[in-house]
Amino acid sequence: MKAELGDTVTVVYDGITENGEIFDSSESSGPLELVLGAGNVLPGFEENIIGLSTGESKEFKLSPREAHGLSNPELIHTFNKQGIKDHAKIKVGMVLGLNLDRDGQQQRVPATVIAVDETQITVDFNHPMAGLTLTYKVTVQSVAKQQAN
C-alpha cells in the first residue's frame, strides 16, 4: 500500500547536513507520525514520502530553497548590548528570544548570536539551517489510509 495525500504515515529518519552531521533523528525523538498534505513538515520531505510503502527506505536531498530557504543578509542586525537583558552573559552561538514589532504586534522571535564586542551584539534572524542542503534517510514503518467520509 503506497502512501498518498491524506494518509497517516509513520517514518524513522535521519536528517544530515552537508558536512555529515546528524541534526535530527528519530533515534532520539522517536518515529515521526505525519498526515501527508497537512503541512506539518517541510513540503519537500512530504513529497518524497508520497508513493513509498511500508518497509520501504529512501534517501533524498532538499536544496536550501526546498528546506529552510536561502540565508538573507537583511535578517542580520546589530544592536547596542545595553538594551538586552543579561547582556554580559551573551556568547556567540547562543539563540536569543527577541521581541520585534511586526505590523503593530509584538512577536518573540529566535535569533542566533553571531558576533559580540564590548558595546554591540550582532544577531541572525535567519533559520539556523537557512542556506543548507539537507539529506534525509527515511524508512516507512506504517501507512494508514485516510478514512472515507
N, C-alpha and C. Protein backbone atom coordinates (compact mmCIF):
# COMPACT_ATOMS: atom_id res chain seq x y z
N MET A 1 0.85 -1.16 0.00
CA MET A 1 0.00 0.00 0.00
C MET A 1 0.90 1.23 0.00
N LYS A 2 0.79 2.03 -1.04
CA LYS A 2 1.62 3.22 -1.20
C LYS A 2 1.01 4.42 -0.50
N ALA A 3 1.86 5.23 0.10
CA ALA A 3 1.42 6.43 0.82
C ALA A 3 0.90 7.47 -0.16
N GLU A 4 -0.26 8.04 0.16
CA GLU A 4 -0.88 9.08 -0.66
C GLU A 4 -1.27 10.26 0.22
N LEU A 5 -1.58 11.38 -0.42
CA LEU A 5 -2.04 12.56 0.33
C LEU A 5 -3.21 12.17 1.22
N GLY A 6 -3.19 12.64 2.46
CA GLY A 6 -4.25 12.35 3.42
C GLY A 6 -3.96 11.15 4.30
N ASP A 7 -3.04 10.29 3.88
CA ASP A 7 -2.70 9.11 4.69
C ASP A 7 -1.86 9.52 5.89
N THR A 8 -1.98 8.74 6.96
CA THR A 8 -1.12 8.91 8.12
C THR A 8 0.05 7.95 7.97
N VAL A 9 1.25 8.51 7.98
CA VAL A 9 2.46 7.73 7.73
C VAL A 9 3.38 7.86 8.93
N THR A 10 3.97 6.76 9.33
CA THR A 10 4.98 6.76 10.40
C THR A 10 6.32 6.40 9.77
N VAL A 11 7.32 7.27 10.03
CA VAL A 11 8.66 7.05 9.47
C VAL A 11 9.71 7.15 10.56
N VAL A 12 10.81 6.45 10.35
CA VAL A 12 12.03 6.70 11.12
C VAL A 12 12.97 7.38 10.14
N TYR A 13 13.82 8.26 10.65
CA TYR A 13 14.62 9.08 9.75
C TYR A 13 15.87 9.60 10.42
N ASP A 14 16.81 10.02 9.59
CA ASP A 14 17.97 10.80 10.00
C ASP A 14 18.01 12.00 9.06
N GLY A 15 18.24 13.19 9.63
CA GLY A 15 18.47 14.41 8.86
C GLY A 15 19.94 14.75 8.97
N ILE A 16 20.60 14.96 7.83
CA ILE A 16 22.06 15.09 7.81
C ILE A 16 22.44 16.36 7.04
N THR A 17 23.36 17.15 7.60
CA THR A 17 23.85 18.34 6.91
C THR A 17 24.90 17.94 5.88
N GLU A 18 25.31 18.94 5.09
CA GLU A 18 26.30 18.70 4.03
C GLU A 18 27.64 18.18 4.57
N ASN A 19 27.97 18.54 5.82
CA ASN A 19 29.25 18.09 6.39
C ASN A 19 29.12 16.75 7.12
N GLY A 20 27.95 16.09 6.97
CA GLY A 20 27.77 14.76 7.54
C GLY A 20 27.24 14.74 8.96
N GLU A 21 26.95 15.90 9.53
CA GLU A 21 26.43 15.97 10.90
C GLU A 21 24.94 15.64 10.93
N ILE A 22 24.55 14.74 11.82
CA ILE A 22 23.13 14.43 12.01
C ILE A 22 22.53 15.54 12.87
N PHE A 23 21.59 16.30 12.29
CA PHE A 23 20.98 17.41 13.02
C PHE A 23 19.64 17.02 13.63
N ASP A 24 19.05 15.93 13.17
CA ASP A 24 17.78 15.46 13.72
C ASP A 24 17.66 13.98 13.39
N SER A 25 17.09 13.23 14.32
CA SER A 25 16.97 11.80 14.12
C SER A 25 15.82 11.26 14.94
N SER A 26 15.08 10.33 14.36
CA SER A 26 14.01 9.68 15.12
C SER A 26 14.58 8.76 16.18
N GLU A 27 15.88 8.47 16.10
CA GLU A 27 16.51 7.64 17.12
C GLU A 27 16.41 8.31 18.48
N SER A 28 16.51 9.64 18.49
CA SER A 28 16.42 10.36 19.77
C SER A 28 15.00 10.83 20.08
N SER A 29 14.21 11.12 19.05
CA SER A 29 12.88 11.68 19.29
C SER A 29 11.76 10.68 19.10
N GLY A 30 12.06 9.51 18.57
CA GLY A 30 11.03 8.51 18.29
C GLY A 30 10.52 8.67 16.87
N PRO A 31 9.80 7.67 16.37
CA PRO A 31 9.28 7.73 15.00
C PRO A 31 8.40 8.96 14.80
N LEU A 32 8.40 9.46 13.58
CA LEU A 32 7.60 10.64 13.22
C LEU A 32 6.32 10.16 12.55
N GLU A 33 5.19 10.61 13.11
CA GLU A 33 3.89 10.31 12.50
C GLU A 33 3.37 11.59 11.88
N LEU A 34 3.00 11.54 10.62
CA LEU A 34 2.50 12.73 9.94
C LEU A 34 1.38 12.37 9.00
N VAL A 35 0.50 13.35 8.78
CA VAL A 35 -0.56 13.21 7.79
C VAL A 35 -0.05 13.91 6.54
N LEU A 36 0.09 13.16 5.46
CA LEU A 36 0.62 13.73 4.22
C LEU A 36 -0.32 14.79 3.68
N GLY A 37 0.23 15.98 3.47
CA GLY A 37 -0.56 17.10 2.97
C GLY A 37 -1.01 18.06 4.05
N ALA A 38 -0.78 17.72 5.31
CA ALA A 38 -1.21 18.59 6.41
C ALA A 38 -0.28 19.79 6.60
N GLY A 39 0.91 19.73 6.02
CA GLY A 39 1.84 20.85 6.10
C GLY A 39 2.59 20.97 7.40
N ASN A 40 2.72 19.88 8.14
CA ASN A 40 3.42 19.92 9.43
C ASN A 40 4.92 19.68 9.32
N VAL A 41 5.39 19.29 8.15
CA VAL A 41 6.82 19.12 7.89
C VAL A 41 7.15 19.85 6.59
N LEU A 42 8.43 19.93 6.27
CA LEU A 42 8.83 20.58 5.03
C LEU A 42 8.11 19.94 3.84
N PRO A 43 7.58 20.76 2.91
CA PRO A 43 6.88 20.20 1.76
C PRO A 43 7.73 19.20 0.97
N GLY A 44 9.02 19.48 0.80
CA GLY A 44 9.89 18.55 0.08
C GLY A 44 10.03 17.22 0.78
N PHE A 45 9.98 17.23 2.12
CA PHE A 45 10.03 15.99 2.89
C PHE A 45 8.79 15.16 2.57
N GLU A 46 7.62 15.79 2.66
CA GLU A 46 6.36 15.10 2.36
C GLU A 46 6.35 14.53 0.95
N GLU A 47 6.77 15.35 -0.01
CA GLU A 47 6.76 14.93 -1.42
C GLU A 47 7.58 13.66 -1.63
N ASN A 48 8.65 13.50 -0.88
CA ASN A 48 9.50 12.32 -1.02
C ASN A 48 8.94 11.10 -0.32
N ILE A 49 7.97 11.28 0.57
CA ILE A 49 7.33 10.15 1.26
C ILE A 49 6.19 9.58 0.40
N ILE A 50 5.53 10.47 -0.34
CA ILE A 50 4.40 10.04 -1.18
C ILE A 50 4.89 8.96 -2.15
N GLY A 51 4.13 7.88 -2.22
CA GLY A 51 4.45 6.78 -3.12
C GLY A 51 5.26 5.66 -2.47
N LEU A 52 5.76 5.90 -1.26
CA LEU A 52 6.51 4.84 -0.57
C LEU A 52 5.54 3.90 0.14
N SER A 53 5.96 2.66 0.33
CA SER A 53 5.17 1.64 1.02
C SER A 53 5.82 1.27 2.34
N THR A 54 5.07 0.61 3.20
CA THR A 54 5.58 0.14 4.48
C THR A 54 6.84 -0.69 4.26
N GLY A 55 7.90 -0.37 5.02
CA GLY A 55 9.17 -1.07 4.93
C GLY A 55 10.12 -0.49 3.90
N GLU A 56 9.64 0.41 3.06
CA GLU A 56 10.47 0.99 2.01
C GLU A 56 11.33 2.12 2.58
N SER A 57 12.56 2.21 2.09
CA SER A 57 13.50 3.25 2.52
C SER A 57 13.85 4.13 1.33
N LYS A 58 14.23 5.36 1.65
CA LYS A 58 14.62 6.31 0.60
C LYS A 58 15.59 7.32 1.19
N GLU A 59 16.56 7.72 0.39
CA GLU A 59 17.46 8.81 0.75
C GLU A 59 17.24 9.92 -0.27
N PHE A 60 17.08 11.16 0.21
CA PHE A 60 16.86 12.28 -0.71
C PHE A 60 17.48 13.55 -0.13
N LYS A 61 17.76 14.48 -1.05
CA LYS A 61 18.32 15.78 -0.67
C LYS A 61 17.28 16.87 -0.90
N LEU A 62 17.31 17.86 0.00
CA LEU A 62 16.50 19.06 -0.17
C LEU A 62 17.45 20.24 -0.32
N SER A 63 17.29 20.98 -1.38
CA SER A 63 18.11 22.18 -1.59
C SER A 63 17.71 23.23 -0.54
N PRO A 64 18.53 24.26 -0.36
CA PRO A 64 18.14 25.31 0.59
C PRO A 64 16.75 25.87 0.31
N ARG A 65 16.42 26.08 -0.95
CA ARG A 65 15.09 26.60 -1.29
C ARG A 65 13.98 25.64 -0.88
N GLU A 66 14.23 24.33 -0.97
CA GLU A 66 13.23 23.33 -0.60
C GLU A 66 13.18 23.10 0.91
N ALA A 67 14.26 23.46 1.59
CA ALA A 67 14.35 23.22 3.03
C ALA A 67 13.97 24.49 3.80
N HIS A 68 14.95 25.21 4.31
CA HIS A 68 14.67 26.36 5.17
C HIS A 68 14.99 27.70 4.51
N GLY A 69 15.16 27.68 3.19
CA GLY A 69 15.38 28.91 2.44
C GLY A 69 16.84 29.31 2.40
N LEU A 70 17.09 30.30 1.57
CA LEU A 70 18.43 30.86 1.46
C LEU A 70 18.68 31.80 2.63
N SER A 71 19.92 31.99 2.99
CA SER A 71 20.26 32.94 4.04
C SER A 71 20.09 34.35 3.48
N ASN A 72 19.33 35.18 4.19
CA ASN A 72 19.04 36.54 3.77
C ASN A 72 19.87 37.52 4.59
N PRO A 73 20.82 38.23 3.97
CA PRO A 73 21.67 39.15 4.74
C PRO A 73 20.88 40.29 5.40
N GLU A 74 19.69 40.57 4.92
CA GLU A 74 18.86 41.62 5.53
C GLU A 74 18.32 41.20 6.89
N LEU A 75 18.45 39.93 7.24
CA LEU A 75 17.99 39.44 8.54
C LEU A 75 19.10 39.39 9.57
N ILE A 76 20.24 40.01 9.26
CA ILE A 76 21.34 40.12 10.22
C ILE A 76 21.35 41.56 10.73
N HIS A 77 21.27 41.71 12.07
CA HIS A 77 21.15 43.04 12.67
C HIS A 77 22.12 43.19 13.84
N THR A 78 22.58 44.42 14.02
CA THR A 78 23.47 44.76 15.13
C THR A 78 22.74 45.70 16.07
N PHE A 79 22.82 45.40 17.38
CA PHE A 79 22.16 46.17 18.43
C PHE A 79 23.16 46.61 19.48
N ASN A 80 22.79 47.62 20.23
CA ASN A 80 23.54 48.02 21.41
C ASN A 80 23.27 46.98 22.49
N LYS A 81 24.31 46.41 23.07
CA LYS A 81 24.17 45.37 24.10
C LYS A 81 23.40 45.86 25.32
N GLN A 82 23.52 47.14 25.63
CA GLN A 82 22.88 47.66 26.85
C GLN A 82 21.37 47.48 26.84
N GLY A 83 20.77 47.37 25.66
CA GLY A 83 19.33 47.21 25.57
C GLY A 83 18.85 45.79 25.75
N ILE A 84 19.76 44.87 25.99
CA ILE A 84 19.40 43.45 26.11
C ILE A 84 19.66 42.98 27.53
N LYS A 85 18.64 42.37 28.13
CA LYS A 85 18.75 41.84 29.49
C LYS A 85 19.85 40.79 29.55
N ASP A 86 20.60 40.80 30.65
CA ASP A 86 21.71 39.85 30.88
C ASP A 86 22.74 39.88 29.74
N HIS A 87 22.99 41.07 29.20
CA HIS A 87 23.88 41.19 28.05
C HIS A 87 25.31 40.71 28.33
N ALA A 88 25.72 40.70 29.58
CA ALA A 88 27.08 40.26 29.90
C ALA A 88 27.26 38.75 29.69
N LYS A 89 26.16 38.00 29.71
CA LYS A 89 26.23 36.55 29.56
C LYS A 89 26.13 36.08 28.11
N ILE A 90 25.90 36.99 27.20
CA ILE A 90 25.67 36.63 25.80
C ILE A 90 26.98 36.19 25.13
N LYS A 91 26.90 35.06 24.44
CA LYS A 91 28.06 34.48 23.75
C LYS A 91 27.66 34.12 22.31
N VAL A 92 28.65 34.11 21.43
CA VAL A 92 28.43 33.69 20.04
C VAL A 92 27.87 32.27 20.04
N GLY A 93 26.85 32.05 19.21
CA GLY A 93 26.22 30.73 19.09
C GLY A 93 24.95 30.59 19.90
N MET A 94 24.75 31.47 20.88
CA MET A 94 23.53 31.42 21.68
C MET A 94 22.33 31.80 20.81
N VAL A 95 21.17 31.25 21.15
CA VAL A 95 19.93 31.65 20.49
C VAL A 95 19.13 32.46 21.51
N LEU A 96 18.81 33.68 21.12
CA LEU A 96 18.05 34.59 21.98
C LEU A 96 16.63 34.72 21.47
N GLY A 97 15.70 34.91 22.38
CA GLY A 97 14.33 35.25 22.01
C GLY A 97 14.20 36.76 22.09
N LEU A 98 14.04 37.41 20.95
CA LEU A 98 13.96 38.87 20.92
C LEU A 98 12.56 39.32 20.48
N ASN A 99 12.09 40.40 21.08
CA ASN A 99 10.79 40.93 20.72
C ASN A 99 10.94 41.91 19.56
N LEU A 100 10.13 41.69 18.53
CA LEU A 100 10.13 42.57 17.36
C LEU A 100 8.71 43.04 17.10
N ASP A 101 8.61 44.25 16.58
CA ASP A 101 7.31 44.78 16.20
C ASP A 101 7.06 44.42 14.75
N ARG A 102 5.99 43.68 14.51
CA ARG A 102 5.63 43.29 13.14
C ARG A 102 4.16 43.64 12.93
N ASP A 103 3.93 44.62 12.06
CA ASP A 103 2.57 45.09 11.76
C ASP A 103 1.83 45.49 13.04
N GLY A 104 2.52 46.20 13.93
CA GLY A 104 1.91 46.69 15.16
C GLY A 104 1.76 45.66 16.26
N GLN A 105 2.23 44.45 16.02
CA GLN A 105 2.14 43.36 17.00
C GLN A 105 3.54 43.00 17.47
N GLN A 106 3.71 42.82 18.77
CA GLN A 106 4.98 42.35 19.32
C GLN A 106 5.05 40.84 19.13
N GLN A 107 6.13 40.39 18.52
CA GLN A 107 6.36 38.96 18.33
C GLN A 107 7.72 38.60 18.88
N ARG A 108 7.79 37.47 19.56
CA ARG A 108 9.06 36.97 20.08
C ARG A 108 9.62 36.01 19.04
N VAL A 109 10.83 36.32 18.55
CA VAL A 109 11.42 35.51 17.51
C VAL A 109 12.84 35.10 17.92
N PRO A 110 13.27 33.90 17.49
CA PRO A 110 14.62 33.46 17.81
C PRO A 110 15.65 34.14 16.91
N ALA A 111 16.81 34.41 17.49
CA ALA A 111 17.92 35.00 16.73
C ALA A 111 19.22 34.39 17.26
N THR A 112 20.08 33.98 16.34
CA THR A 112 21.36 33.39 16.71
C THR A 112 22.42 34.48 16.81
N VAL A 113 23.14 34.51 17.93
CA VAL A 113 24.21 35.49 18.12
C VAL A 113 25.39 35.09 17.25
N ILE A 114 25.84 36.02 16.39
CA ILE A 114 26.96 35.70 15.50
C ILE A 114 28.20 36.54 15.81
N ALA A 115 28.04 37.63 16.60
CA ALA A 115 29.21 38.44 17.00
C ALA A 115 28.85 39.25 18.24
N VAL A 116 29.86 39.42 19.11
CA VAL A 116 29.70 40.20 20.34
C VAL A 116 30.98 40.99 20.56
N ASP A 117 30.84 42.27 20.90
CA ASP A 117 32.01 43.03 21.36
C ASP A 117 31.60 43.80 22.61
N GLU A 118 32.40 44.77 23.04
CA GLU A 118 32.11 45.47 24.30
C GLU A 118 30.78 46.20 24.29
N THR A 119 30.36 46.70 23.15
CA THR A 119 29.16 47.54 23.12
C THR A 119 28.03 46.99 22.26
N GLN A 120 28.34 46.10 21.33
CA GLN A 120 27.32 45.65 20.39
C GLN A 120 27.21 44.14 20.32
N ILE A 121 26.05 43.72 19.84
CA ILE A 121 25.79 42.31 19.58
C ILE A 121 25.19 42.22 18.18
N THR A 122 25.64 41.26 17.39
CA THR A 122 25.10 41.03 16.06
C THR A 122 24.36 39.70 16.08
N VAL A 123 23.11 39.72 15.59
CA VAL A 123 22.28 38.53 15.59
C VAL A 123 21.78 38.23 14.18
N ASP A 124 21.49 36.97 13.96
CA ASP A 124 20.99 36.49 12.67
C ASP A 124 19.60 35.92 12.90
N PHE A 125 18.60 36.54 12.25
CA PHE A 125 17.21 36.09 12.37
C PHE A 125 16.85 35.00 11.35
N ASN A 126 17.80 34.62 10.48
CA ASN A 126 17.56 33.52 9.55
C ASN A 126 17.37 32.23 10.33
N HIS A 127 16.64 31.29 9.75
CA HIS A 127 16.55 29.96 10.35
C HIS A 127 17.97 29.41 10.46
N PRO A 128 18.33 28.73 11.55
CA PRO A 128 19.70 28.22 11.70
C PRO A 128 20.16 27.33 10.55
N MET A 129 19.24 26.74 9.81
CA MET A 129 19.62 25.87 8.70
C MET A 129 19.39 26.54 7.34
N ALA A 130 19.14 27.84 7.34
CA ALA A 130 18.98 28.55 6.08
C ALA A 130 20.28 28.43 5.27
N GLY A 131 20.12 28.20 3.99
CA GLY A 131 21.28 28.11 3.11
C GLY A 131 21.91 26.73 3.03
N LEU A 132 21.39 25.77 3.80
CA LEU A 132 21.99 24.43 3.81
C LEU A 132 21.20 23.45 2.95
N THR A 133 21.92 22.58 2.26
CA THR A 133 21.32 21.44 1.59
C THR A 133 21.24 20.33 2.63
N LEU A 134 20.07 19.73 2.77
CA LEU A 134 19.85 18.71 3.78
C LEU A 134 19.59 17.36 3.12
N THR A 135 20.15 16.32 3.69
CA THR A 135 19.90 14.96 3.23
C THR A 135 19.07 14.25 4.29
N TYR A 136 18.06 13.53 3.84
CA TYR A 136 17.23 12.73 4.74
C TYR A 136 17.31 11.27 4.31
N LYS A 137 17.42 10.40 5.31
CA LYS A 137 17.32 8.96 5.11
C LYS A 137 16.09 8.53 5.88
N VAL A 138 15.08 8.02 5.17
CA VAL A 138 13.81 7.66 5.82
C VAL A 138 13.46 6.21 5.53
N THR A 139 12.77 5.60 6.47
CA THR A 139 12.16 4.28 6.28
C THR A 139 10.73 4.37 6.77
N VAL A 140 9.80 3.95 5.94
CA VAL A 140 8.38 3.98 6.29
C VAL A 140 8.08 2.79 7.18
N GLN A 141 7.55 3.07 8.37
CA GLN A 141 7.16 1.98 9.28
C GLN A 141 5.71 1.55 9.06
N SER A 142 4.84 2.54 8.74
CA SER A 142 3.44 2.18 8.50
C SER A 142 2.76 3.26 7.66
N VAL A 143 1.72 2.82 6.96
CA VAL A 143 0.85 3.71 6.18
C VAL A 143 -0.58 3.37 6.56
N ALA A 144 -1.31 4.36 7.07
CA ALA A 144 -2.73 4.16 7.39
C ALA A 144 -3.52 5.03 6.43
N LYS A 145 -4.40 4.37 5.67
CA LYS A 145 -5.18 5.07 4.67
C LYS A 145 -6.16 6.04 5.31
N GLN A 146 -6.39 7.15 4.58
CA GLN A 146 -7.35 8.16 5.03
C GLN A 146 -8.73 7.51 5.09
N GLN A 147 -9.47 7.82 6.15
CA GLN A 147 -10.81 7.30 6.31
C GLN A 147 -11.76 8.01 5.36
N ALA A 148 -12.56 7.25 4.63
CA ALA A 148 -13.55 7.84 3.73
C ALA A 148 -14.71 8.40 4.55
N ASN A 149 -15.24 9.55 4.12
CA ASN A 149 -16.38 10.17 4.84
C ASN A 149 -17.68 9.56 4.41
